[in-house]
Amino acid sequence: MCCSSDKVREVVKEKARDGKLSCPEARKIAKELGVPTREVGCAANELKIKLYGCELGCF
């Protein structure tokens, strides 16, 4: 089971559009919050938000 902070989940939910979040946006969120990209991915999973457009195969 993933575990992400309330702040990460809040920002992911805010930035997602139509239940989706782009990979570049996910990486940007991680950098801005100073957390690993994996935590942003976990937050998206917890919120049932689909990540798309991955350029690095991270998600």
Protein backbone atom coordinates (compact mmCIF):
# COMPACT_ATOMS: atom_id res chain seq x y z
CA MET A 1 0.00 0.00 0.00
CA CYS A 2 1.23 3.47 -0.87
CA CYS A 3 1.45 6.23 1.64
CA SER A 4 1.51 9.87 0.64
CA SER A 5 1.12 13.00 2.72
CA ASP A 6 -2.07 15.03 2.85
CA LYS A 7 -0.25 17.93 1.17
CA VAL A 8 0.87 15.80 -1.77
CA ARG A 9 -2.63 14.38 -2.23
CA GLU A 10 -4.11 17.88 -2.03
CA VAL A 11 -1.81 19.27 -4.74
CA VAL A 12 -2.25 16.24 -7.01
CA LYS A 13 -6.02 16.52 -6.72
CA GLU A 14 -5.86 20.26 -7.43
CA LYS A 15 -3.66 19.86 -10.53
CA ALA A 16 -5.48 16.87 -12.05
CA ARG A 17 -7.95 17.52 -14.84
CA ASP A 18 -10.76 15.09 -15.64
CA GLY A 19 -9.15 12.46 -13.40
CA LYS A 20 -5.81 12.67 -15.22
CA LEU A 21 -2.39 14.16 -14.55
CA SER A 22 0.50 14.34 -16.98
CA CYS A 23 3.84 12.82 -16.06
CA PRO A 24 5.69 16.14 -16.53
CA GLU A 25 3.21 17.80 -14.17
CA ALA A 26 3.67 14.98 -11.63
CA ARG A 27 7.45 15.45 -11.75
CA LYS A 28 6.99 19.21 -11.33
CA ILE A 29 4.80 18.66 -8.26
CA ALA A 30 7.41 16.33 -6.75
CA LYS A 31 10.18 18.86 -7.33
CA GLU A 32 8.15 21.77 -5.92
CA LEU A 33 7.19 19.81 -2.79
CA GLY A 34 10.62 18.22 -2.37
CA VAL A 35 9.29 14.67 -2.39
CA PRO A 36 10.17 11.61 -4.49
CA THR A 37 8.20 11.19 -7.72
CA ARG A 38 7.03 7.85 -6.34
CA GLU A 39 5.11 9.67 -3.59
CA VAL A 40 3.27 11.73 -6.21
CA GLY A 41 2.50 8.51 -8.09
CA CYS A 42 1.18 6.92 -4.90
CA ALA A 43 -1.02 9.96 -4.25
CA ALA A 44 -2.43 9.69 -7.77
CA ASN A 45 -3.15 5.98 -7.21
CA GLU A 46 -4.84 6.68 -3.90
CA LEU A 47 -7.01 9.34 -5.56
CA LYS A 48 -7.71 7.14 -8.62
CA ILE A 49 -6.07 9.74 -10.88
CA LYS A 50 -4.51 8.35 -14.04
CA LEU A 51 -1.01 9.49 -14.98
CA TYR A 52 -0.32 9.81 -18.70
CA GLY A 53 2.40 10.91 -21.07
CA CYS A 54 5.25 9.34 -19.15
CA GLU A 55 8.57 9.99 -20.81
CA LEU A 56 10.75 8.01 -18.41
CA GLY A 57 8.66 4.96 -17.55
CA CYS A 58 8.36 6.07 -13.92
CA PHE A 59 4.61 5.58 -13.64
